[in-house]
Amino acid sequence: MLEKKVAAYDQELKEIGVIADTHIPSRGRFIPSKVFSLFQGVQLILHAGDLVDERVIEELQALAPVETVAGNMDSPELEQRHGKIKLIKAQNVTIGLTHGDLIGRRANPAQLMALFEPEEPQAVVFGHLHEPVSKLYQGTLCFNPGSALDPRRRSEPTCGRLLINGSVIQGEIIYL
Protein backbone atom coordinates (compact mmCIF):
# COMPACT_ATOMS: atom_id res chain seq x y z
CA MET A 1 0.00 0.00 0.00
CA LEU A 2 1.30 3.47 -0.87
CA GLU A 3 2.02 5.95 1.86
CA LYS A 4 -0.63 8.63 2.37
CA LYS A 5 0.86 12.04 2.97
CA VAL A 6 -1.15 14.33 5.22
CA ALA A 7 -1.46 18.11 5.02
CA ALA A 8 -3.14 19.70 8.02
CA TYR A 9 -4.71 23.15 8.18
CA ASP A 10 -5.78 24.79 11.44
CA GLN A 11 -8.44 26.93 9.80
CA GLU A 12 -11.89 26.23 8.46
CA LEU A 13 -11.81 26.05 4.65
CA LYS A 14 -14.60 27.63 2.60
CA GLU A 15 -13.30 27.84 -0.97
CA ILE A 16 -10.63 25.77 -2.74
CA GLY A 17 -9.38 26.11 -6.32
CA VAL A 18 -8.84 22.80 -8.13
CA ILE A 19 -6.74 22.10 -11.22
CA ALA A 20 -5.15 19.00 -12.76
CA ASP A 21 -3.31 17.74 -15.81
CA THR A 22 -1.52 20.97 -16.70
CA HIS A 23 1.36 19.09 -18.40
CA ILE A 24 3.47 22.24 -18.62
CA PRO A 25 5.47 22.67 -20.85
CA SER A 26 4.59 19.62 -22.96
CA ARG A 27 0.87 20.41 -23.59
CA GLY A 28 0.93 24.13 -23.01
CA ARG A 29 3.41 26.81 -22.03
CA PHE A 30 1.54 28.38 -19.14
CA ILE A 31 -1.58 28.21 -17.02
CA PRO A 32 -4.36 30.26 -18.65
CA SER A 33 -4.63 33.71 -17.06
CA LYS A 34 -8.34 33.15 -16.46
CA VAL A 35 -7.44 30.46 -13.89
CA PHE A 36 -5.57 33.06 -11.85
CA SER A 37 -8.52 35.44 -11.83
CA LEU A 38 -10.94 32.60 -10.96
CA PHE A 39 -8.75 31.42 -8.08
CA GLN A 40 -8.38 34.93 -6.64
CA GLY A 41 -9.43 34.76 -2.98
CA VAL A 42 -9.42 30.96 -2.55
CA GLN A 43 -7.85 29.70 0.68
CA LEU A 44 -6.14 26.70 -0.89
CA ILE A 45 -5.38 25.28 -4.34
CA LEU A 46 -5.31 21.55 -5.08
CA HIS A 47 -3.41 20.25 -8.12
CA ALA A 48 -4.36 16.64 -8.88
CA GLY A 49 -1.16 15.68 -10.68
CA ASP A 50 0.60 15.76 -14.03
CA LEU A 51 2.29 19.06 -13.28
CA VAL A 52 5.35 17.95 -15.29
CA ASP A 53 7.15 21.18 -14.28
CA GLU A 54 7.19 22.11 -10.60
CA ARG A 55 7.17 25.81 -11.52
CA VAL A 56 3.39 25.39 -11.84
CA ILE A 57 3.26 25.17 -8.04
CA GLU A 58 5.34 28.33 -7.66
CA GLU A 59 2.98 30.26 -9.96
CA LEU A 60 -0.14 29.09 -8.14
CA GLN A 61 1.40 29.81 -4.72
CA ALA A 62 1.19 33.51 -5.57
CA LEU A 63 -2.56 33.11 -4.92
CA ALA A 64 -2.81 30.61 -2.05
CA PRO A 65 -1.08 27.60 -0.52
CA VAL A 66 -0.91 24.67 -2.96
CA GLU A 67 -1.25 20.96 -2.24
CA THR A 68 -0.41 18.54 -5.02
CA VAL A 69 0.20 14.90 -5.82
CA ALA A 70 2.26 13.39 -8.60
CA GLY A 71 0.69 11.90 -11.70
CA ASN A 72 1.90 9.37 -14.25
CA MET A 73 3.66 12.08 -16.30
CA ASP A 74 5.57 13.51 -13.32
CA SER A 75 9.18 12.67 -12.61
CA PRO A 76 10.25 10.25 -9.87
CA GLU A 77 11.60 13.29 -8.00
CA LEU A 78 8.17 14.97 -8.05
CA GLU A 79 6.56 11.72 -6.95
CA GLN A 80 8.95 11.39 -4.03
CA ARG A 81 8.40 15.01 -2.97
CA HIS A 82 4.61 15.14 -3.33
CA GLY A 83 3.49 11.51 -3.15
CA LYS A 84 0.64 9.81 -5.03
CA ILE A 85 -2.02 9.98 -2.31
CA LYS A 86 -2.64 12.85 0.09
CA LEU A 87 -5.19 13.69 2.76
CA ILE A 88 -5.94 17.35 3.35
CA LYS A 89 -7.34 17.83 6.85
CA ALA A 90 -8.84 21.09 8.02
CA GLN A 91 -11.02 21.96 10.99
CA ASN A 92 -14.20 21.22 9.06
CA VAL A 93 -13.35 18.74 6.27
CA THR A 94 -11.09 15.94 5.08
CA ILE A 95 -10.33 15.78 1.35
CA GLY A 96 -8.56 12.95 -0.45
CA LEU A 97 -6.24 13.96 -3.31
CA THR A 98 -4.84 11.61 -5.94
CA HIS A 99 -4.09 11.71 -9.65
CA GLY A 100 -6.11 8.60 -10.47
CA ASP A 101 -3.49 6.74 -12.46
CA LEU A 102 -3.17 4.17 -9.67
CA ILE A 103 -6.51 2.74 -10.77
CA GLY A 104 -6.57 3.73 -14.44
CA ARG A 105 -8.89 5.57 -16.80
CA ARG A 106 -11.92 3.47 -15.92
CA ALA A 107 -11.72 4.35 -12.25
CA ASN A 108 -14.99 4.17 -10.42
CA PRO A 109 -15.87 6.04 -7.22
CA ALA A 110 -15.56 2.93 -5.04
CA GLN A 111 -11.96 2.39 -6.23
CA LEU A 112 -11.10 6.04 -5.63
CA MET A 113 -12.50 5.95 -2.11
CA ALA A 114 -10.70 2.68 -1.34
CA LEU A 115 -7.36 4.50 -1.79
CA PHE A 116 -8.12 6.51 1.34
CA GLU A 117 -9.41 3.78 3.67
CA PRO A 118 -9.84 3.73 6.60
CA GLU A 119 -10.38 7.51 6.29
CA GLU A 120 -13.74 8.64 4.99
CA PRO A 121 -13.10 11.99 3.30
CA GLN A 122 -16.04 14.23 2.39
CA ALA A 123 -14.50 14.64 -1.08
CA VAL A 124 -12.01 12.81 -3.28
CA VAL A 125 -10.28 15.01 -5.86
CA PHE A 126 -8.58 13.31 -8.80
CA GLY A 127 -7.24 13.99 -12.29
CA HIS A 128 -5.92 11.75 -15.08
CA LEU A 129 -9.11 11.68 -17.20
CA HIS A 130 -8.74 15.22 -18.60
CA GLU A 131 -12.55 15.36 -18.34
CA PRO A 132 -14.57 17.10 -15.64
CA VAL A 133 -16.49 14.96 -13.13
CA SER A 134 -18.56 16.10 -10.15
CA LYS A 135 -20.79 13.46 -8.57
CA LEU A 136 -21.78 12.15 -5.20
CA TYR A 137 -21.08 8.55 -4.30
CA GLN A 138 -22.37 7.29 -0.97
CA GLY A 139 -22.22 10.81 0.43
CA THR A 140 -18.69 11.54 -0.85
CA LEU A 141 -18.06 14.07 -3.62
CA CYS A 142 -15.89 12.60 -6.39
CA PHE A 143 -14.44 15.59 -8.22
CA ASN A 144 -12.19 15.89 -11.26
CA PRO A 145 -11.59 19.44 -12.54
CA GLY A 146 -10.75 18.24 -16.05
CA SER A 147 -7.80 19.93 -17.74
CA ALA A 148 -7.24 23.63 -18.29
CA LEU A 149 -4.73 22.88 -21.08
CA ASP A 150 -5.44 19.47 -22.62
CA PRO A 151 -9.14 18.53 -22.52
CA ARG A 152 -10.27 15.19 -23.94
CA ARG A 153 -13.40 13.62 -25.43
CA ARG A 154 -15.11 16.76 -26.62
CA SER A 155 -14.79 18.55 -23.31
CA GLU A 156 -13.62 22.14 -23.11
CA PRO A 157 -10.73 23.45 -21.00
CA THR A 158 -11.84 23.44 -17.36
CA CYS A 159 -10.77 23.88 -13.79
CA GLY A 160 -12.88 23.76 -10.65
CA ARG A 161 -13.74 25.03 -7.22
CA LEU A 162 -14.82 23.31 -4.05
CA LEU A 163 -17.29 25.35 -2.03
CA ILE A 164 -17.53 24.32 1.61
CA ASN A 165 -20.35 25.12 4.01
CA GLY A 166 -19.57 23.61 7.41
CA SER A 167 -18.61 20.04 6.53
CA VAL A 168 -20.62 19.91 3.27
CA ILE A 169 -18.60 20.18 0.05
CA GLN A 170 -20.01 21.09 -3.36
CA GLY A 171 -17.99 20.94 -6.57
CA GLU A 172 -18.18 23.53 -9.31
CA ILE A 173 -16.76 22.86 -12.78
CA ILE A 174 -15.59 26.07 -14.43
CA TYR A 175 -15.36 26.26 -18.23
CA LEU A 176 -12.52 28.48 -19.40
C-alpha atoms as a PDB file:
ATOM      1  CA  MET A   1       0.000   0.000   0.000  1.00  0.00           C
ATOM      2  CA  LEU A   2       1.296   3.467  -0.874  1.00  0.00           C
ATOM      3  CA  GLU A   3       2.019   5.952   1.862  1.00  0.00           C
ATOM      4  CA  LYS A   4      -0.633   8.632   2.366  1.00  0.00           C
ATOM      5  CA  LYS A   5       0.858  12.038   2.968  1.00  0.00           C
ATOM      6  CA  VAL A   6      -1.153  14.327   5.223  1.00  0.00           C
ATOM      7  CA  ALA A   7      -1.460  18.106   5.017  1.00  0.00           C
ATOM      8  CA  ALA A   8      -3.142  19.698   8.022  1.00  0.00           C
ATOM      9  CA  TYR A   9      -4.707  23.150   8.178  1.00  0.00           C
ATOM     10  CA  ASP A  10      -5.778  24.791  11.435  1.00  0.00           C
ATOM     11  CA  GLN A  11      -8.441  26.926   9.803  1.00  0.00           C
ATOM     12  CA  GLU A  12     -11.887  26.232   8.459  1.00  0.00           C
ATOM     13  CA  LEU A  13     -11.813  26.047   4.653  1.00  0.00           C
ATOM     14  CA  LYS A  14     -14.598  27.632   2.597  1.00  0.00           C
ATOM     15  CA  GLU A  15     -13.300  27.835  -0.972  1.00  0.00           C
ATOM     16  CA  ILE A  16     -10.633  25.773  -2.736  1.00  0.00           C
ATOM     17  CA  GLY A  17      -9.383  26.115  -6.322  1.00  0.00           C
ATOM     18  CA  VAL A  18      -8.844  22.803  -8.126  1.00  0.00           C
ATOM     19  CA  ILE A  19      -6.739  22.103 -11.223  1.00  0.00           C
ATOM     20  CA  ALA A  20      -5.146  18.997 -12.757  1.00  0.00           C
ATOM     21  CA  ASP A  21      -3.311  17.738 -15.808  1.00  0.00           C
ATOM     22  CA  THR A  22      -1.523  20.965 -16.698  1.00  0.00           C
ATOM     23  CA  HIS A  23       1.359  19.090 -18.399  1.00  0.00           C
ATOM     24  CA  ILE A  24       3.474  22.244 -18.621  1.00  0.00           C
ATOM     25  CA  PRO A  25       5.472  22.670 -20.847  1.00  0.00           C
ATOM     26  CA  SER A  26       4.594  19.623 -22.960  1.00  0.00           C
ATOM     27  CA  ARG A  27       0.874  20.411 -23.585  1.00  0.00           C
ATOM     28  CA  GLY A  28       0.934  24.132 -23.006  1.00  0.00           C
ATOM     29  CA  ARG A  29       3.413  26.811 -22.032  1.00  0.00           C
ATOM     30  CA  PHE A  30       1.544  28.382 -19.145  1.00  0.00           C
ATOM     31  CA  ILE A  31      -1.582  28.206 -17.023  1.00  0.00           C
ATOM     32  CA  PRO A  32      -4.357  30.258 -18.653  1.00  0.00           C
ATOM     33  CA  SER A  33      -4.634  33.712 -17.065  1.00  0.00           C
ATOM     34  CA  LYS A  34      -8.343  33.154 -16.461  1.00  0.00           C
ATOM     35  CA  VAL A  35      -7.442  30.458 -13.895  1.00  0.00           C
ATOM     36  CA  PHE A  36      -5.567  33.057 -11.851  1.00  0.00           C
ATOM     37  CA  SER A  37      -8.518  35.435 -11.829  1.00  0.00           C
ATOM     38  CA  LEU A  38     -10.944  32.601 -10.962  1.00  0.00           C
ATOM     39  CA  PHE A  39      -8.751  31.418  -8.076  1.00  0.00           C
ATOM     40  CA  GLN A  40      -8.378  34.935  -6.635  1.00  0.00           C
ATOM     41  CA  GLY A  41      -9.433  34.759  -2.980  1.00  0.00           C
ATOM     42  CA  VAL A  42      -9.421  30.958  -2.547  1.00  0.00           C
ATOM     43  CA  GLN A  43      -7.852  29.697   0.682  1.00  0.00           C
ATOM     44  CA  LEU A  44      -6.141  26.696  -0.889  1.00  0.00           C
ATOM     45  CA  ILE A  45      -5.385  25.277  -4.339  1.00  0.00           C
ATOM     46  CA  LEU A  46      -5.314  21.552  -5.082  1.00  0.00           C
ATOM     47  CA  HIS A  47      -3.413  20.252  -8.117  1.00  0.00           C
ATOM     48  CA  ALA A  48      -4.358  16.640  -8.879  1.00  0.00           C
ATOM     49  CA  GLY A  49      -1.165  15.675 -10.676  1.00  0.00           C
ATOM     50  CA  ASP A  50       0.604  15.759 -14.025  1.00  0.00           C
ATOM     51  CA  LEU A  51       2.294  19.057 -13.283  1.00  0.00           C
ATOM     52  CA  VAL A  52       5.345  17.953 -15.291  1.00  0.00           C
ATOM     53  CA  ASP A  53       7.149  21.175 -14.280  1.00  0.00           C
ATOM     54  CA  GLU A  54       7.189  22.114 -10.599  1.00  0.00           C
ATOM     55  CA  ARG A  55       7.171  25.812 -11.519  1.00  0.00           C
ATOM     56  CA  VAL A  56       3.395  25.388 -11.843  1.00  0.00           C
ATOM     57  CA  ILE A  57       3.257  25.166  -8.038  1.00  0.00           C
ATOM     58  CA  GLU A  58       5.336  28.326  -7.662  1.00  0.00           C
ATOM     59  CA  GLU A  59       2.981  30.260  -9.963  1.00  0.00           C
ATOM     60  CA  LEU A  60      -0.140  29.088  -8.139  1.00  0.00           C
ATOM     61  CA  GLN A  61       1.404  29.813  -4.720  1.00  0.00           C
ATOM     62  CA  ALA A  62       1.193  33.512  -5.569  1.00  0.00           C
ATOM     63  CA  LEU A  63      -2.561  33.110  -4.917  1.00  0.00           C
ATOM     64  CA  ALA A  64      -2.812  30.611  -2.053  1.00  0.00           C
ATOM     65  CA  PRO A  65      -1.077  27.598  -0.516  1.00  0.00           C
ATOM     66  CA  VAL A  66      -0.906  24.666  -2.955  1.00  0.00           C
ATOM     67  CA  GLU A  67      -1.247  20.957  -2.236  1.00  0.00           C
ATOM     68  CA  THR A  68      -0.414  18.536  -5.015  1.00  0.00           C
ATOM     69  CA  VAL A  69       0.198  14.897  -5.817  1.00  0.00           C
ATOM     70  CA  ALA A  70       2.259  13.389  -8.599  1.00  0.00           C
ATOM     71  CA  GLY A  71       0.686  11.897 -11.698  1.00  0.00           C
ATOM     72  CA  ASN A  72       1.901   9.375 -14.251  1.00  0.00           C
ATOM     73  CA  MET A  73       3.663  12.081 -16.296  1.00  0.00           C
ATOM     74  CA  ASP A  74       5.565  13.511 -13.320  1.00  0.00           C
ATOM     75  CA  SER A  75       9.184  12.669 -12.612  1.00  0.00           C
ATOM     76  CA  PRO A  76      10.250  10.252  -9.867  1.00  0.00           C
ATOM     77  CA  GLU A  77      11.597  13.294  -7.996  1.00  0.00           C
ATOM     78  CA  LEU A  78       8.172  14.975  -8.046  1.00  0.00           C
ATOM     79  CA  GLU A  79       6.560  11.717  -6.949  1.00  0.00           C
ATOM     80  CA  GLN A  80       8.949  11.390  -4.029  1.00  0.00           C
ATOM     81  CA  ARG A  81       8.404  15.007  -2.975  1.00  0.00           C
ATOM     82  CA  HIS A  82       4.609  15.135  -3.328  1.00  0.00           C
ATOM     83  CA  GLY A  83       3.491  11.507  -3.153  1.00  0.00           C
ATOM     84  CA  LYS A  84       0.640   9.815  -5.026  1.00  0.00           C
ATOM     85  CA  ILE A  85      -2.024   9.984  -2.305  1.00  0.00           C
ATOM     86  CA  LYS A  86      -2.637  12.854   0.090  1.00  0.00           C
ATOM     87  CA  LEU A  87      -5.187  13.691   2.760  1.00  0.00           C
ATOM     88  CA  ILE A  88      -5.944  17.350   3.353  1.00  0.00           C
ATOM     89  CA  LYS A  89      -7.339  17.829   6.851  1.00  0.00           C
ATOM     90  CA  ALA A  90      -8.841  21.093   8.020  1.00  0.00           C
ATOM     91  CA  GLN A  91     -11.024  21.960  10.994  1.00  0.00           C
ATOM     92  CA  ASN A  92     -14.202  21.217   9.062  1.00  0.00           C
ATOM     93  CA  VAL A  93     -13.346  18.742   6.274  1.00  0.00           C
ATOM     94  CA  THR A  94     -11.089  15.941   5.079  1.00  0.00           C
ATOM     95  CA  ILE A  95     -10.328  15.776   1.355  1.00  0.00           C
ATOM     96  CA  GLY A  96      -8.558  12.952  -0.453  1.00  0.00           C
ATOM     97  CA  LEU A  97      -6.245  13.962  -3.314  1.00  0.00           C
ATOM     98  CA  THR A  98      -4.839  11.607  -5.944  1.00  0.00           C
ATOM     99  CA  HIS A  99      -4.095  11.705  -9.647  1.00  0.00           C
ATOM    100  CA  GLY A 100      -6.115   8.604 -10.467  1.00  0.00           C
ATOM    101  CA  ASP A 101      -3.485   6.737 -12.462  1.00  0.00           C
ATOM    102  CA  LEU A 102      -3.167   4.174  -9.667  1.00  0.00           C
ATOM    103  CA  ILE A 103      -6.509   2.744 -10.766  1.00  0.00           C
ATOM    104  CA  GLY A 104      -6.569   3.732 -14.437  1.00  0.00           C
ATOM    105  CA  ARG A 105      -8.888   5.574 -16.801  1.00  0.00           C
ATOM    106  CA  ARG A 106     -11.918   3.473 -15.925  1.00  0.00           C
ATOM    107  CA  ALA A 107     -11.724   4.350 -12.254  1.00  0.00           C
ATOM    108  CA  ASN A 108     -14.995   4.171 -10.424  1.00  0.00           C
ATOM    109  CA  PRO A 109     -15.868   6.039  -7.224  1.00  0.00           C
ATOM    110  CA  ALA A 110     -15.556   2.927  -5.038  1.00  0.00           C
ATOM    111  CA  GLN A 111     -11.964   2.394  -6.228  1.00  0.00           C
ATOM    112  CA  LEU A 112     -11.097   6.036  -5.627  1.00  0.00           C
ATOM    113  CA  MET A 113     -12.502   5.954  -2.106  1.00  0.00           C
ATOM    114  CA  ALA A 114     -10.702   2.677  -1.340  1.00  0.00           C
ATOM    115  CA  LEU A 115      -7.362   4.499  -1.789  1.00  0.00           C
ATOM    116  CA  PHE A 116      -8.122   6.512   1.339  1.00  0.00           C
ATOM    117  CA  GLU A 117      -9.412   3.778   3.665  1.00  0.00           C
ATOM    118  CA  PRO A 118      -9.841   3.731   6.598  1.00  0.00           C
ATOM    119  CA  GLU A 119     -10.379   7.513   6.287  1.00  0.00           C
ATOM    120  CA  GLU A 120     -13.739   8.642   4.989  1.00  0.00           C
ATOM    121  CA  PRO A 121     -13.104  11.990   3.304  1.00  0.00           C
ATOM    122  CA  GLN A 122     -16.042  14.229   2.388  1.00  0.00           C
ATOM    123  CA  ALA A 123     -14.497  14.637  -1.076  1.00  0.00           C
ATOM    124  CA  VAL A 124     -12.011  12.811  -3.281  1.00  0.00           C
ATOM    125  CA  VAL A 125     -10.283  15.012  -5.864  1.00  0.00           C
ATOM    126  CA  PHE A 126      -8.584  13.307  -8.798  1.00  0.00           C
ATOM    127  CA  GLY A 127      -7.239  13.993 -12.291  1.00  0.00           C
ATOM    128  CA  HIS A 128      -5.920  11.753 -15.075  1.00  0.00           C
ATOM    129  CA  LEU A 129      -9.106  11.683 -17.197  1.00  0.00           C
ATOM    130  CA  HIS A 130      -8.738  15.215 -18.604  1.00  0.00           C
ATOM    131  CA  GLU A 131     -12.548  15.363 -18.338  1.00  0.00           C
ATOM    132  CA  PRO A 132     -14.566  17.098 -15.643  1.00  0.00           C
ATOM    133  CA  VAL A 133     -16.495  14.963 -13.130  1.00  0.00           C
ATOM    134  CA  SER A 134     -18.561  16.096 -10.150  1.00  0.00           C
ATOM    135  CA  LYS A 135     -20.788  13.463  -8.568  1.00  0.00           C
ATOM    136  CA  LEU A 136     -21.780  12.154  -5.195  1.00  0.00           C
ATOM    137  CA  TYR A 137     -21.084   8.548  -4.304  1.00  0.00           C
ATOM    138  CA  GLN A 138     -22.368   7.286  -0.972  1.00  0.00           C
ATOM    139  CA  GLY A 139     -22.223  10.806   0.432  1.00  0.00           C
ATOM    140  CA  THR A 140     -18.693  11.545  -0.846  1.00  0.00           C
ATOM    141  CA  LEU A 141     -18.058  14.065  -3.622  1.00  0.00           C
ATOM    142  CA  CYS A 142     -15.886  12.596  -6.392  1.00  0.00           C
ATOM    143  CA  PHE A 143     -14.439  15.595  -8.217  1.00  0.00           C
ATOM    144  CA  ASN A 144     -12.186  15.894 -11.260  1.00  0.00           C
ATOM    145  CA  PRO A 145     -11.590  19.441 -12.542  1.00  0.00           C
ATOM    146  CA  GLY A 146     -10.749  18.236 -16.053  1.00  0.00           C
ATOM    147  CA  SER A 147      -7.797  19.927 -17.736  1.00  0.00           C
ATOM    148  CA  ALA A 148      -7.239  23.632 -18.294  1.00  0.00           C
ATOM    149  CA  LEU A 149      -4.731  22.879 -21.081  1.00  0.00           C
ATOM    150  CA  ASP A 150      -5.439  19.466 -22.624  1.00  0.00           C
ATOM    151  CA  PRO A 151      -9.144  18.532 -22.520  1.00  0.00           C
ATOM    152  CA  ARG A 152     -10.271  15.185 -23.937  1.00  0.00           C
ATOM    153  CA  ARG A 153     -13.397  13.620 -25.434  1.00  0.00           C
ATOM    154  CA  ARG A 154     -15.115  16.762 -26.618  1.00  0.00           C
ATOM    155  CA  SER A 155     -14.791  18.548 -23.307  1.00  0.00           C
ATOM    156  CA  GLU A 156     -13.618  22.141 -23.113  1.00  0.00           C
ATOM    157  CA  PRO A 157     -10.735  23.447 -20.995  1.00  0.00           C
ATOM    158  CA  THR A 158     -11.841  23.444 -17.363  1.00  0.00           C
ATOM    159  CA  CYS A 159     -10.766  23.881 -13.786  1.00  0.00           C
ATOM    160  CA  GLY A 160     -12.885  23.762 -10.653  1.00  0.00           C
ATOM    161  CA  ARG A 161     -13.743  25.026  -7.220  1.00  0.00           C
ATOM    162  CA  LEU A 162     -14.820  23.307  -4.052  1.00  0.00           C
ATOM    163  CA  LEU A 163     -17.293  25.347  -2.027  1.00  0.00           C
ATOM    164  CA  ILE A 164     -17.533  24.324   1.609  1.00  0.00           C
ATOM    165  CA  ASN A 165     -20.347  25.124   4.009  1.00  0.00           C
ATOM    166  CA  GLY A 166     -19.574  23.613   7.406  1.00  0.00           C
ATOM    167  CA  SER A 167     -18.615  20.041   6.532  1.00  0.00           C
ATOM    168  CA  VAL A 168     -20.615  19.906   3.271  1.00  0.00           C
ATOM    169  CA  ILE A 169     -18.604  20.179   0.053  1.00  0.00           C
ATOM    170  CA  GLN A 170     -20.008  21.087  -3.363  1.00  0.00           C
ATOM    171  CA  GLY A 171     -17.994  20.939  -6.571  1.00  0.00           C
ATOM    172  CA  GLU A 172     -18.180  23.531  -9.310  1.00  0.00           C
ATOM    173  CA  ILE A 173     -16.756  22.857 -12.781  1.00  0.00           C
ATOM    174  CA  ILE A 174     -15.591  26.071 -14.433  1.00  0.00           C
ATOM    175  CA  TYR A 175     -15.365  26.257 -18.227  1.00  0.00           C
ATOM    176  CA  LEU A 176     -12.519  28.478 -19.400  1.00  0.00           C
END
